[in-house]
Amino acid sequence: MPAWRRYKDENRIIAALKKCIADNVAEIIVLSLGAGGALVANGTSITRLHTPTVEIRSVIGAGDSMVGGITYALAAGNSINDSIRMGLAAGAAAVMTPGTQLCRAGDVFELYAKIMDDTQE
């Protein structure tokens, strides 16, 4: 079992992420928290991004959709943070569909726009 799965306390999860970064396990770690969003760790910070609230019809494929959304956005030349937001949107869109249906592109882009509106700095 991965070490982070043993932690229920977010402070312990953050400490584990920081240790992984310090130990050069990865340059960037994106930890999905499901409906709780995601924690993003890099060499200088830990950022929490929030997932939009949607009606959950099935959680099948949400994690894969998140990874797919991140990959899609990175391949399109987006920044790491914007790509992670796209991943959150894709994961949220996936839970809106029943069973094993894929997320719908229109839902992904609509949710992505909401996330961007909520997180602009």
PDB file of N, CA and C in Angstrom:
ATOM      1  N   MET A   1       0.850  -1.189   0.000  1.00  0.00           N
ATOM      2  CA  MET A   1       0.000   0.000   0.000  1.00  0.00           C
ATOM      3  C   MET A   1       0.888   1.243   0.000  1.00  0.00           C
ATOM      4  N   PRO A   2       0.639   2.186  -0.932  1.00  0.00           N
ATOM      5  CA  PRO A   2       1.444   3.417  -0.938  1.00  0.00           C
ATOM      6  C   PRO A   2       1.320   4.141   0.397  1.00  0.00           C
ATOM      7  N   ALA A   3       2.417   4.766   0.808  1.00  0.00           N
ATOM      8  CA  ALA A   3       2.447   5.426   2.117  1.00  0.00           C
ATOM      9  C   ALA A   3       1.349   6.466   2.278  1.00  0.00           C
ATOM     10  N   TRP A   4       1.049   7.235   1.212  1.00  0.00           N
ATOM     11  CA  TRP A   4       0.057   8.306   1.354  1.00  0.00           C
ATOM     12  C   TRP A   4      -1.327   7.757   1.644  1.00  0.00           C
ATOM     13  N   ARG A   5      -1.624   6.498   1.247  1.00  0.00           N
ATOM     14  CA  ARG A   5      -2.947   5.929   1.511  1.00  0.00           C
ATOM     15  C   ARG A   5      -3.182   5.673   2.996  1.00  0.00           C
ATOM     16  N   ARG A   6      -2.109   5.571   3.764  1.00  0.00           N
ATOM     17  CA  ARG A   6      -2.244   5.328   5.195  1.00  0.00           C
ATOM     18  C   ARG A   6      -2.644   6.582   5.954  1.00  0.00           C
ATOM     19  N   TYR A   7      -2.501   7.725   5.324  1.00  0.00           N
ATOM     20  CA  TYR A   7      -2.745   8.978   6.011  1.00  0.00           C
ATOM     21  C   TYR A   7      -4.165   9.472   5.785  1.00  0.00           C
ATOM     22  N   LYS A   8      -4.851   9.763   6.865  1.00  0.00           N
ATOM     23  CA  LYS A   8      -6.184  10.357   6.773  1.00  0.00           C
ATOM     24  C   LYS A   8      -6.098  11.863   6.985  1.00  0.00           C
ATOM     25  N   ASP A   9      -5.090  12.303   7.687  1.00  0.00           N
ATOM     26  CA  ASP A   9      -4.910  13.701   8.026  1.00  0.00           C
ATOM     27  C   ASP A   9      -4.192  14.413   6.875  1.00  0.00           C
ATOM     28  N   GLU A  10      -4.777  15.498   6.385  1.00  0.00           N
ATOM     29  CA  GLU A  10      -4.204  16.201   5.242  1.00  0.00           C
ATOM     30  C   GLU A  10      -2.806  16.734   5.527  1.00  0.00           C
ATOM     31  N   ASN A  11      -2.533  17.131   6.765  1.00  0.00           N
ATOM     32  CA  ASN A  11      -1.192  17.613   7.095  1.00  0.00           C
ATOM     33  C   ASN A  11      -0.150  16.515   6.923  1.00  0.00           C
ATOM     34  N   ARG A  12      -0.497  15.288   7.255  1.00  0.00           N
ATOM     35  CA  ARG A  12       0.428  14.162   7.070  1.00  0.00           C
ATOM     36  C   ARG A  12       0.602  13.858   5.580  1.00  0.00           C
ATOM     37  N   ILE A  13      -0.463  14.003   4.816  1.00  0.00           N
ATOM     38  CA  ILE A  13      -0.367  13.790   3.371  1.00  0.00           C
ATOM     39  C   ILE A  13       0.576  14.840   2.769  1.00  0.00           C
ATOM     40  N   ILE A  14       0.405  16.084   3.166  1.00  0.00           N
ATOM     41  CA  ILE A  14       1.255  17.157   2.662  1.00  0.00           C
ATOM     42  C   ILE A  14       2.714  16.912   3.041  1.00  0.00           C
ATOM     43  N   ALA A  15       2.956  16.475   4.266  1.00  0.00           N
ATOM     44  CA  ALA A  15       4.323  16.167   4.693  1.00  0.00           C
ATOM     45  C   ALA A  15       4.922  15.047   3.833  1.00  0.00           C
ATOM     46  N   ALA A  16       4.115  14.032   3.528  1.00  0.00           N
ATOM     47  CA  ALA A  16       4.589  12.927   2.685  1.00  0.00           C
ATOM     48  C   ALA A  16       4.901  13.412   1.274  1.00  0.00           C
ATOM     49  N   LEU A  17       4.056  14.292   0.731  1.00  0.00           N
ATOM     50  CA  LEU A  17       4.312  14.858  -0.596  1.00  0.00           C
ATOM     51  C   LEU A  17       5.612  15.659  -0.603  1.00  0.00           C
ATOM     52  N   LYS A  18       5.804  16.484   0.415  1.00  0.00           N
ATOM     53  CA  LYS A  18       7.026  17.287   0.507  1.00  0.00           C
ATOM     54  C   LYS A  18       8.260  16.386   0.592  1.00  0.00           C
ATOM     55  N   LYS A  19       8.149  15.307   1.339  1.00  0.00           N
ATOM     56  CA  LYS A  19       9.270  14.372   1.454  1.00  0.00           C
ATOM     57  C   LYS A  19       9.579  13.728   0.098  1.00  0.00           C
ATOM     58  N   CYS A  20       8.547  13.338  -0.628  1.00  0.00           N
ATOM     59  CA  CYS A  20       8.762  12.748  -1.955  1.00  0.00           C
ATOM     60  C   CYS A  20       9.477  13.721  -2.884  1.00  0.00           C
ATOM     61  N   ILE A  21       9.073  14.983  -2.838  1.00  0.00           N
ATOM     62  CA  ILE A  21       9.717  15.997  -3.676  1.00  0.00           C
ATOM     63  C   ILE A  21      11.165  16.197  -3.219  1.00  0.00           C
ATOM     64  N   ALA A  22      11.380  16.316  -1.900  1.00  0.00           N
ATOM     65  CA  ALA A  22      12.723  16.518  -1.366  1.00  0.00           C
ATOM     66  C   ALA A  22      13.638  15.343  -1.684  1.00  0.00           C
ATOM     67  N   ASP A  23      13.081  14.131  -1.703  1.00  0.00           N
ATOM     68  CA  ASP A  23      13.856  12.922  -2.001  1.00  0.00           C
ATOM     69  C   ASP A  23      14.014  12.677  -3.502  1.00  0.00           C
ATOM     70  N   ASN A  24      13.572  13.647  -4.321  1.00  0.00           N
ATOM     71  CA  ASN A  24      13.671  13.555  -5.781  1.00  0.00           C
ATOM     72  C   ASN A  24      12.932  12.357  -6.366  1.00  0.00           C
ATOM     73  N   VAL A  25      11.823  11.982  -5.735  1.00  0.00           N
ATOM     74  CA  VAL A  25      10.979  10.926  -6.284  1.00  0.00           C
ATOM     75  C   VAL A  25      10.333  11.418  -7.575  1.00  0.00           C
ATOM     76  N   ALA A  26       9.964  12.690  -7.588  1.00  0.00           N
ATOM     77  CA  ALA A  26       9.355  13.320  -8.766  1.00  0.00           C
ATOM     78  C   ALA A  26       9.547  14.825  -8.653  1.00  0.00           C
ATOM     79  N   GLU A  27       9.453  15.510  -9.793  1.00  0.00           N
ATOM     80  CA  GLU A  27       9.522  16.971  -9.784  1.00  0.00           C
ATOM     81  C   GLU A  27       8.180  17.573  -9.418  1.00  0.00           C
ATOM     82  N   ILE A  28       7.104  16.923  -9.863  1.00  0.00           N
ATOM     83  CA  ILE A  28       5.740  17.386  -9.605  1.00  0.00           C
ATOM     84  C   ILE A  28       4.902  16.164  -9.254  1.00  0.00           C
ATOM     85  N   ILE A  29       4.065  16.309  -8.229  1.00  0.00           N
ATOM     86  CA  ILE A  29       3.146  15.234  -7.861  1.00  0.00           C
ATOM     87  C   ILE A  29       1.746  15.814  -7.825  1.00  0.00           C
ATOM     88  N   VAL A  30       0.821  15.146  -8.503  1.00  0.00           N
ATOM     89  CA  VAL A  30      -0.588  15.524  -8.460  1.00  0.00           C
ATOM     90  C   VAL A  30      -1.302  14.393  -7.733  1.00  0.00           C
ATOM     91  N   LEU A  31      -1.862  14.696  -6.587  1.00  0.00           N
ATOM     92  CA  LEU A  31      -2.567  13.707  -5.783  1.00  0.00           C
ATOM     93  C   LEU A  31      -4.056  14.009  -5.837  1.00  0.00           C
ATOM     94  N   SER A  32      -4.800  13.137  -6.485  1.00  0.00           N
ATOM     95  CA  SER A  32      -6.246  13.309  -6.567  1.00  0.00           C
ATOM     96  C   SER A  32      -6.884  13.024  -5.211  1.00  0.00           C
ATOM     97  N   LEU A  33      -7.793  13.895  -4.828  1.00  0.00           N
ATOM     98  CA  LEU A  33      -8.564  13.717  -3.599  1.00  0.00           C
ATOM     99  C   LEU A  33     -10.035  13.487  -3.925  1.00  0.00           C
ATOM    100  N   GLY A  34     -10.286  13.010  -5.135  1.00  0.00           N
ATOM    101  CA  GLY A  34     -11.663  12.759  -5.558  1.00  0.00           C
ATOM    102  C   GLY A  34     -12.459  14.050  -5.574  1.00  0.00           C
ATOM    103  N   ALA A  35     -13.614  14.023  -4.932  1.00  0.00           N
ATOM    104  CA  ALA A  35     -14.468  15.210  -4.880  1.00  0.00           C
ATOM    105  C   ALA A  35     -13.799  16.368  -4.138  1.00  0.00           C
ATOM    106  N   GLY A  36     -12.741  16.062  -3.385  1.00  0.00           N
ATOM    107  CA  GLY A  36     -12.012  17.089  -2.642  1.00  0.00           C
ATOM    108  C   GLY A  36     -11.008  17.853  -3.479  1.00  0.00           C
ATOM    109  N   GLY A  37     -10.898  17.513  -4.764  1.00  0.00           N
ATOM    110  CA  GLY A  37      -9.976  18.224  -5.646  1.00  0.00           C
ATOM    111  C   GLY A  37      -8.656  17.496  -5.778  1.00  0.00           C
ATOM    112  N   ALA A  38      -7.566  18.242  -5.695  1.00  0.00           N
ATOM    113  CA  ALA A  38      -6.240  17.648  -5.831  1.00  0.00           C
ATOM    114  C   ALA A  38      -5.220  18.490  -5.091  1.00  0.00           C
ATOM    115  N   LEU A  39      -4.170  17.828  -4.644  1.00  0.00           N
ATOM    116  CA  LEU A  39      -3.007  18.519  -4.108  1.00  0.00           C
ATOM    117  C   LEU A  39      -1.905  18.420  -5.152  1.00  0.00           C
ATOM    118  N   VAL A  40      -1.247  19.538  -5.394  1.00  0.00           N
ATOM    119  CA  VAL A  40      -0.167  19.586  -6.371  1.00  0.00           C
ATOM    120  C   VAL A  40       1.095  20.000  -5.619  1.00  0.00           C
ATOM    121  N   ALA A  41       2.096  19.123  -5.665  1.00  0.00           N
ATOM    122  CA  ALA A  41       3.363  19.401  -4.998  1.00  0.00           C
ATOM    123  C   ALA A  41       4.434  19.597  -6.052  1.00  0.00           C
ATOM    124  N   ASN A  42       5.263  20.618  -5.837  1.00  0.00           N
ATOM    125  CA  ASN A  42       6.447  20.791  -6.676  1.00  0.00           C
ATOM    126  C   ASN A  42       7.587  21.205  -5.761  1.00  0.00           C
ATOM    127  N   GLY A  43       8.683  21.601  -6.327  1.00  0.00           N
ATOM    128  CA  GLY A  43       9.853  21.920  -5.517  1.00  0.00           C
ATOM    129  C   GLY A  43       9.673  23.064  -4.550  1.00  0.00           C
ATOM    130  N   THR A  44       8.705  23.925  -4.791  1.00  0.00           N
ATOM    131  CA  THR A  44       8.572  25.120  -3.957  1.00  0.00           C
ATOM    132  C   THR A  44       7.263  25.235  -3.191  1.00  0.00           C
ATOM    133  N   SER A  45       6.245  24.470  -3.561  1.00  0.00           N
ATOM    134  CA  SER A  45       4.959  24.687  -2.900  1.00  0.00           C
ATOM    135  C   SER A  45       4.035  23.474  -2.999  1.00  0.00           C
ATOM    136  N   ILE A  46       3.000  23.530  -2.184  1.00  0.00           N
ATOM    137  CA  ILE A  46       1.882  22.597  -2.252  1.00  0.00           C
ATOM    138  C   ILE A  46       0.653  23.458  -2.519  1.00  0.00           C
ATOM    139  N   THR A  47      -0.082  23.135  -3.570  1.00  0.00           N
ATOM    140  CA  THR A  47      -1.274  23.891  -3.940  1.00  0.00           C
ATOM    141  C   THR A  47      -2.469  22.951  -3.910  1.00  0.00           C
ATOM    142  N   ARG A  48      -3.584  23.431  -3.386  1.00  0.00           N
ATOM    143  CA  ARG A  48      -4.821  22.669  -3.411  1.00  0.00           C
ATOM    144  C   ARG A  48      -5.726  23.281  -4.468  1.00  0.00           C
ATOM    145  N   LEU A  49      -6.166  22.448  -5.388  1.00  0.00           N
ATOM    146  CA  LEU A  49      -7.125  22.872  -6.398  1.00  0.00           C
ATOM    147  C   LEU A  49      -8.454  22.191  -6.122  1.00  0.00           C
ATOM    148  N   HIS A  50      -9.533  22.911  -6.299  1.00  0.00           N
ATOM    149  CA  HIS A  50     -10.855  22.385  -5.985  1.00  0.00           C
ATOM    150  C   HIS A  50     -11.560  21.880  -7.240  1.00  0.00           C
ATOM    151  N   THR A  51     -12.330  20.839  -7.057  1.00  0.00           N
ATOM    152  CA  THR A  51     -13.125  20.252  -8.123  1.00  0.00           C
ATOM    153  C   THR A  51     -14.516  20.880  -8.093  1.00  0.00           C
ATOM    154  N   PRO A  52     -15.084  21.172  -9.256  1.00  0.00           N
ATOM    155  CA  PRO A  52     -16.449  21.703  -9.262  1.00  0.00           C
ATOM    156  C   PRO A  52     -17.429  20.669  -8.726  1.00  0.00           C
ATOM    157  N   THR A  53     -18.467  21.132  -8.080  1.00  0.00           N
ATOM    158  CA  THR A  53     -19.502  20.236  -7.572  1.00  0.00           C
ATOM    159  C   THR A  53     -20.418  19.836  -8.723  1.00  0.00           C
ATOM    160  N   VAL A  54     -20.559  18.531  -8.906  1.00  0.00           N
ATOM    161  CA  VAL A  54     -21.413  18.000  -9.965  1.00  0.00           C
ATOM    162  C   VAL A  54     -22.226  16.843  -9.403  1.00  0.00           C
ATOM    163  N   GLU A  55     -23.276  16.478 -10.120  1.00  0.00           N
ATOM    164  CA  GLU A  55     -24.060  15.311  -9.742  1.00  0.00           C
ATOM    165  C   GLU A  55     -23.273  14.057 -10.118  1.00  0.00           C
ATOM    166  N   ILE A  56     -23.076  13.191  -9.141  1.00  0.00           N
ATOM    167  CA  ILE A  56     -22.297  11.978  -9.375  1.00  0.00           C
ATOM    168  C   ILE A  56     -23.229  10.857  -9.803  1.00  0.00           C
ATOM    169  N   ARG A  57     -22.955  10.320 -10.995  1.00  0.00           N
ATOM    170  CA  ARG A  57     -23.736   9.189 -11.512  1.00  0.00           C
ATOM    171  C   ARG A  57     -22.912   7.913 -11.490  1.00  0.00           C
ATOM    172  N   SER A  58     -21.591   8.034 -11.588  1.00  0.00           N
ATOM    173  CA  SER A  58     -20.686   6.896 -11.516  1.00  0.00           C
ATOM    174  C   SER A  58     -19.272   7.433 -11.350  1.00  0.00           C
ATOM    175  N   VAL A  59     -18.461   6.742 -10.552  1.00  0.00           N
ATOM    176  CA  VAL A  59     -17.076   7.185 -10.374  1.00  0.00           C
ATOM    177  C   VAL A  59     -16.107   6.399 -11.259  1.00  0.00           C
ATOM    178  N   ILE A  60     -16.637   5.481 -12.038  1.00  0.00           N
ATOM    179  CA  ILE A  60     -15.791   4.664 -12.908  1.00  0.00           C
ATOM    180  C   ILE A  60     -15.109   5.549 -13.954  1.00  0.00           C
ATOM    181  N   GLY A  61     -13.813   5.462 -14.023  1.00  0.00           N
ATOM    182  CA  GLY A  61     -13.052   6.202 -15.030  1.00  0.00           C
ATOM    183  C   GLY A  61     -12.695   7.627 -14.663  1.00  0.00           C
ATOM    184  N   ALA A  62     -13.072   8.080 -13.474  1.00  0.00           N
ATOM    185  CA  ALA A  62     -12.787   9.472 -13.111  1.00  0.00           C
ATOM    186  C   ALA A  62     -11.285   9.735 -13.028  1.00  0.00           C
ATOM    187  N   GLY A  63     -10.543   8.834 -12.414  1.00  0.00           N
ATOM    188  CA  GLY A  63      -9.095   9.015 -12.301  1.00  0.00           C
ATOM    189  C   GLY A  63      -8.405   8.958 -13.648  1.00  0.00           C
ATOM    190  N   ASP A  64      -8.824   7.995 -14.481  1.00  0.00           N
ATOM    191  CA  ASP A  64      -8.253   7.905 -15.828  1.00  0.00           C
ATOM    192  C   ASP A  64      -8.571   9.152 -16.636  1.00  0.00           C
ATOM    193  N   SER A  65      -9.783   9.669 -16.473  1.00  0.00           N
ATOM    194  CA  SER A  65     -10.164  10.891 -17.189  1.00  0.00           C
ATOM    195  C   SER A  65      -9.343  12.077 -16.710  1.00  0.00           C
ATOM    196  N   MET A  66      -9.043  12.124 -15.410  1.00  0.00           N
ATOM    197  CA  MET A  66      -8.212  13.202 -14.884  1.00  0.00           C
ATOM    198  C   MET A  66      -6.823  13.155 -15.523  1.00  0.00           C
ATOM    199  N   VAL A  67      -6.232  11.967 -15.547  1.00  0.00           N
ATOM    200  CA  VAL A  67      -4.911  11.817 -16.170  1.00  0.00           C
ATOM    201  C   VAL A  67      -4.976  12.182 -17.656  1.00  0.00           C
ATOM    202  N   GLY A  68      -6.029  11.737 -18.328  1.00  0.00           N
ATOM    203  CA  GLY A  68      -6.193  12.064 -19.744  1.00  0.00           C
ATOM    204  C   GLY A  68      -6.322  13.550 -19.981  1.00  0.00           C
ATOM    205  N   GLY A  69      -7.077  14.239 -19.127  1.00  0.00           N
ATOM    206  CA  GLY A  69      -7.235  15.685 -19.254  1.00  0.00           C
ATOM    207  C   GLY A  69      -5.922  16.425 -19.045  1.00  0.00           C
ATOM    208  N   ILE A  70      -5.139  15.981 -18.064  1.00  0.00           N
ATOM    209  CA  ILE A  70      -3.837  16.601 -17.815  1.00  0.00           C
ATOM    210  C   ILE A  70      -2.936  16.396 -19.035  1.00  0.00           C
ATOM    211  N   THR A  71      -2.899  15.180 -19.525  1.00  0.00           N
ATOM    212  CA  THR A  71      -2.043  14.849 -20.671  1.00  0.00           C
ATOM    213  C   THR A  71      -2.453  15.635 -21.908  1.00  0.00           C
ATOM    214  N   TYR A  72      -3.759  15.700 -22.157  1.00  0.00           N
ATOM    215  CA  TYR A  72      -4.284  16.449 -23.309  1.00  0.00           C
ATOM    216  C   TYR A  72      -3.832  17.907 -23.241  1.00  0.00           C
ATOM    217  N   ALA A  73      -4.009  18.518 -22.081  1.00  0.00           N
ATOM    218  CA  ALA A  73      -3.686  19.939 -21.947  1.00  0.00           C
ATOM    219  C   ALA A  73      -2.179  20.187 -22.042  1.00  0.00           C
ATOM    220  N   LEU A  74      -1.382  19.309 -21.459  1.00  0.00           N
ATOM    221  CA  LEU A  74       0.072  19.463 -21.577  1.00  0.00           C
ATOM    222  C   LEU A  74       0.508  19.354 -23.035  1.00  0.00           C
ATOM    223  N   ALA A  75      -0.059  18.378 -23.752  1.00  0.00           N
ATOM    224  CA  ALA A  75       0.278  18.192 -25.170  1.00  0.00           C
ATOM    225  C   ALA A  75      -0.125  19.403 -26.001  1.00  0.00           C
ATOM    226  N   ALA A  76      -1.168  20.120 -25.550  1.00  0.00           N
ATOM    227  CA  ALA A  76      -1.623  21.323 -26.259  1.00  0.00           C
ATOM    228  C   ALA A  76      -0.790  22.550 -25.899  1.00  0.00           C
ATOM    229  N   GLY A  77       0.176  22.387 -24.985  1.00  0.00           N
ATOM    230  CA  GLY A  77       1.060  23.491 -24.628  1.00  0.00           C
ATOM    231  C   GLY A  77       0.628  24.308 -23.429  1.00  0.00           C
ATOM    232  N   ASN A  78      -0.358  23.830 -22.684  1.00  0.00           N
ATOM    233  CA  ASN A  78      -0.806  24.566 -21.499  1.00  0.00           C
ATOM    234  C   ASN A  78       0.198  24.434 -20.353  1.00  0.00           C
ATOM    235  N   SER A  79       0.119  25.343 -19.402  1.00  0.00           N
ATOM    236  CA  SER A  79       0.976  25.284 -18.218  1.00  0.00           C
ATOM    237  C   SER A  79       0.597  24.073 -17.365  1.00  0.00           C
ATOM    238  N   ILE A  80       1.465  23.731 -16.458  1.00  0.00           N
ATOM    239  CA  ILE A  80       1.193  22.617 -15.544  1.00  0.00           C
ATOM    240  C   ILE A  80      -0.108  22.876 -14.779  1.00  0.00           C
ATOM    241  N   ASN A  81      -0.255  24.061 -14.192  1.00  0.00           N
ATOM    242  CA  ASN A  81      -1.450  24.343 -13.384  1.00  0.00           C
ATOM    243  C   ASN A  81      -2.728  24.313 -14.221  1.00  0.00           C
ATOM    244  N   ASP A  82      -2.685  24.904 -15.409  1.00  0.00           N
ATOM    245  CA  ASP A  82      -3.873  24.867 -16.267  1.00  0.00           C
ATOM    246  C   ASP A  82      -4.173  23.438 -16.715  1.00  0.00           C
ATOM    247  N   SER A  83      -3.136  22.655 -16.932  1.00  0.00           N
ATOM    248  CA  SER A  83      -3.326  21.259 -17.330  1.00  0.00           C
ATOM    249  C   SER A  83      -3.956  20.446 -16.212  1.00  0.00           C
ATOM    250  N   ILE A  84      -3.547  20.716 -14.990  1.00  0.00           N
ATOM    251  CA  ILE A  84      -4.151  20.016 -13.853  1.00  0.00           C
ATOM    252  C   ILE A  84      -5.612  20.427 -13.704  1.00  0.00           C
ATOM    253  N   ARG A  85      -5.908  21.686 -13.946  1.00  0.00           N
ATOM    254  CA  ARG A  85      -7.301  22.135 -13.919  1.00  0.00           C
ATOM    255  C   ARG A  85      -8.127  21.428 -14.996  1.00  0.00           C
ATOM    256  N   MET A  86      -7.535  21.218 -16.172  1.00  0.00           N
ATOM    257  CA  MET A  86      -8.222  20.468 -17.225  1.00  0.00           C
ATOM    258  C   MET A  86      -8.467  19.034 -16.768  1.00  0.00           C
ATOM    259  N   GLY A  87      -7.487  18.460 -16.080  1.00  0.00           N
ATOM    260  CA  GLY A  87      -7.657  17.118 -15.544  1.00  0.00           C
ATOM    261  C   GLY A  87      -8.781  17.036 -14.527  1.00  0.00           C
ATOM    262  N   LEU A  88      -8.855  18.033 -13.656  1.00  0.00           N
ATOM    263  CA  LEU A  88      -9.953  18.071 -12.677  1.00  0.00           C
ATOM    264  C   LEU A  88     -11.297  18.170 -13.384  1.00  0.00           C
ATOM    265  N   ALA A  89     -11.349  18.980 -14.417  1.00  0.00           N
ATOM    266  CA  ALA A  89     -12.595  19.129 -15.180  1.00  0.00           C
ATOM    267  C   ALA A  89     -12.976  17.819 -15.844  1.00  0.00           C
ATOM    268  N   ALA A  90     -12.004  17.123 -16.418  1.00  0.00           N
ATOM    269  CA  ALA A  90     -12.292  15.851 -17.082  1.00  0.00           C
ATOM    270  C   ALA A  90     -12.746  14.796 -16.082  1.00  0.00           C
ATOM    271  N   GLY A  91     -12.119  14.754 -14.922  1.00  0.00           N
ATOM    272  CA  GLY A  91     -12.536  13.811 -13.888  1.00  0.00           C
ATOM    273  C   GLY A  91     -13.943  14.101 -13.394  1.00  0.00           C
ATOM    274  N   ALA A  92     -14.241  15.382 -13.192  1.00  0.00           N
ATOM    275  CA  ALA A  92     -15.584  15.759 -12.750  1.00  0.00           C
ATOM    276  C   ALA A  92     -16.620  15.444 -13.826  1.00  0.00           C
ATOM    277  N   ALA A  93     -16.258  15.687 -15.086  1.00  0.00           N
ATOM    278  CA  ALA A  93     -17.184  15.386 -16.183  1.00  0.00           C
ATOM    279  C   ALA A  93     -17.436  13.889 -16.286  1.00  0.00           C
ATOM    280  N   ALA A  94     -16.428  13.092 -15.975  1.00  0.00           N
ATOM    281  CA  ALA A  94     -16.585  11.634 -16.053  1.00  0.00           C
ATOM    282  C   ALA A  94     -17.607  11.124 -15.039  1.00  0.00           C
ATOM    283  N   VAL A  95     -17.630  11.722 -13.844  1.00  0.00           N
ATOM    284  CA  VAL A  95     -18.582  11.230 -12.841  1.00  0.00           C
ATOM    285  C   VAL A  95     -20.019  11.644 -13.159  1.00  0.00           C
ATOM    286  N   MET A  96     -20.188  12.540 -14.098  1.00  0.00           N
ATOM    287  CA  MET A  96     -21.527  12.984 -14.494  1.00  0.00           C
ATOM    288  C   MET A  96     -22.215  11.994 -15.431  1.00  0.00           C
ATOM    289  N   THR A  97     -21.444  11.045 -15.972  1.00  0.00           N
ATOM    290  CA  THR A  97     -22.008  10.087 -16.918  1.00  0.00           C
ATOM    291  C   THR A  97     -22.240   8.745 -16.225  1.00  0.00           C
ATOM    292  N   PRO A  98     -23.280   8.003 -16.633  1.00  0.00           N
ATOM    293  CA  PRO A  98     -23.576   6.732 -15.980  1.00  0.00           C
ATOM    294  C   PRO A  98     -22.628   5.607 -16.386  1.00  0.00           C
ATOM    295  N   GLY A  99     -22.399   4.691 -15.469  1.00  0.00           N
ATOM    296  CA  GLY A  99     -21.636   3.486 -15.761  1.00  0.00           C
ATOM    297  C   GLY A  99     -20.251   3.775 -16.279  1.00  0.00           C
ATOM    298  N   THR A 100     -19.918   3.126 -17.382  1.00  0.00           N
ATOM    299  CA  THR A 100     -18.574   3.252 -17.943  1.00  0.00           C
ATOM    300  C   THR A 100     -18.507   4.233 -19.113  1.00  0.00           C
ATOM    301  N   GLN A 101     -19.537   5.061 -19.272  1.00  0.00           N
ATOM    302  CA  GLN A 101     -19.510   6.039 -20.364  1.00  0.00           C
ATOM    303  C   GLN A 101     -18.362   7.024 -20.162  1.00  0.00           C
ATOM    304  N   LEU A 102     -17.783   7.450 -21.271  1.00  0.00           N
ATOM    305  CA  LEU A 102     -16.716   8.437 -21.221  1.00  0.00           C
ATOM    306  C   LEU A 102     -17.293   9.817 -20.917  1.00  0.00           C
ATOM    307  N   CYS A 103     -16.434  10.704 -20.444  1.00  0.00           N
ATOM    308  CA  CYS A 103     -16.888  12.072 -20.219  1.00  0.00           C
ATOM    309  C   CYS A 103     -17.174  12.725 -21.573  1.00  0.00           C
ATOM    310  N   ARG A 104     -18.028  13.730 -21.531  1.00  0.00           N
ATOM    311  CA  ARG A 104     -18.383  14.455 -22.751  1.00  0.00           C
ATOM    312  C   ARG A 104     -17.523  15.720 -22.838  1.00  0.00           C
ATOM    313  N   ALA A 105     -16.959  15.951 -24.022  1.00  0.00           N
ATOM    314  CA  ALA A 105     -16.050  17.086 -24.225  1.00  0.00           C
ATOM    315  C   ALA A 105     -16.700  18.405 -23.813  1.00  0.00           C
ATOM    316  N   GLY A 106     -17.963  18.587 -24.163  1.00  0.00           N
ATOM    317  CA  GLY A 106     -18.652  19.834 -23.806  1.00  0.00           C
ATOM    318  C   GLY A 106     -18.688  20.053 -22.305  1.00  0.00           C
ATOM    319  N   ASP A 107     -18.930  18.977 -21.546  1.00  0.00           N
ATOM    320  CA  ASP A 107     -18.931  19.076 -20.081  1.00  0.00           C
ATOM    321  C   ASP A 107     -17.542  19.431 -19.563  1.00  0.00           C
ATOM    322  N   VAL A 108     -16.514  18.800 -20.144  1.00  0.00           N
ATOM    323  CA  VAL A 108     -15.135  19.058 -19.703  1.00  0.00           C
ATOM    324  C   VAL A 108     -14.799  20.536 -19.877  1.00  0.00           C
ATOM    325  N   PHE A 109     -15.060  21.083 -21.054  1.00  0.00           N
ATOM    326  CA  PHE A 109     -14.686  22.475 -21.314  1.00  0.00           C
ATOM    327  C   PHE A 109     -15.526  23.461 -20.503  1.00  0.00           C
ATOM    328  N   GLU A 110     -16.786  23.120 -20.257  1.00  0.00           N
ATOM    329  CA  GLU A 110     -17.634  23.978 -19.412  1.00  0.00           C
ATOM    330  C   GLU A 110     -17.110  23.995 -17.974  1.00  0.00           C
ATOM    331  N   LEU A 111     -16.772  22.816 -17.444  1.00  0.00           N
ATOM    332  CA  LEU A 111     -16.246  22.741 -16.082  1.00  0.00           C
ATOM    333  C   LEU A 111     -14.869  23.404 -15.991  1.00  0.00           C
ATOM    334  N   TYR A 112     -14.054  23.233 -17.003  1.00  0.00           N
ATOM    335  CA  TYR A 112     -12.732  23.860 -17.031  1.00  0.00           C
ATOM    336  C   TYR A 112     -12.871  25.386 -16.946  1.00  0.00           C
ATOM    337  N   ALA A 113     -13.807  25.941 -17.697  1.00  0.00           N
ATOM    338  CA  ALA A 113     -14.023  27.396 -17.654  1.00  0.00           C
ATOM    339  C   ALA A 113     -14.429  27.842 -16.258  1.00  0.00           C
ATOM    340  N   LYS A 114     -15.251  27.054 -15.580  1.00  0.00           N
ATOM    341  CA  LYS A 114     -15.658  27.388 -14.201  1.00  0.00           C
ATOM    342  C   LYS A 114     -14.469  27.335 -13.260  1.00  0.00           C
ATOM    343  N   ILE A 115     -13.623  26.315 -13.416  1.00  0.00           N
ATOM    344  CA  ILE A 115     -12.449  26.203 -12.561  1.00  0.00           C
ATOM    345  C   ILE A 115     -11.527  27.395 -12.799  1.00  0.00           C
ATOM    346  N   MET A 116     -11.321  27.760 -14.038  1.00  0.00           N
ATOM    347  CA  MET A 116     -10.445  28.891 -14.341  1.00  0.00           C
ATOM    348  C   MET A 116     -10.999  30.188 -13.788  1.00  0.00           C
ATOM    349  N   ASP A 117     -12.315  30.370 -13.863  1.00  0.00           N
ATOM    350  CA  ASP A 117     -12.933  31.574 -13.315  1.00  0.00           C
ATOM    351  C   ASP A 117     -12.730  31.650 -11.809  1.00  0.00           C
ATOM    352  N   ASP A 118     -12.761  30.496 -11.139  1.00  0.00           N
ATOM    353  CA  ASP A 118     -12.615  30.460  -9.689  1.00  0.00           C
ATOM    354  C   ASP A 118     -11.173  30.569  -9.223  1.00  0.00           C
ATOM    355  N   THR A 119     -10.206  30.328 -10.108  1.00  0.00           N
ATOM    356  CA  THR A 119      -8.822  30.258  -9.670  1.00  0.00           C
ATOM    357  C   THR A 119      -7.904  31.293 -10.291  1.00  0.00           C
ATOM    358  N   GLN A 120      -8.413  32.206 -11.068  1.00  0.00           N
ATOM    359  CA  GLN A 120      -7.541  33.204 -11.681  1.00  0.00           C
ATOM    360  C   GLN A 120      -6.843  34.010 -10.598  1.00  0.00           C
ATOM    361  N   GLU A 121      -5.566  34.236 -10.807  1.00  0.00           N
ATOM    362  CA  GLU A 121      -4.768  34.933  -9.795  1.00  0.00           C
ATOM    363  C   GLU A 121      -4.580  36.384 -10.142  1.00  0.00           C
TER     364      GLU A 121
END
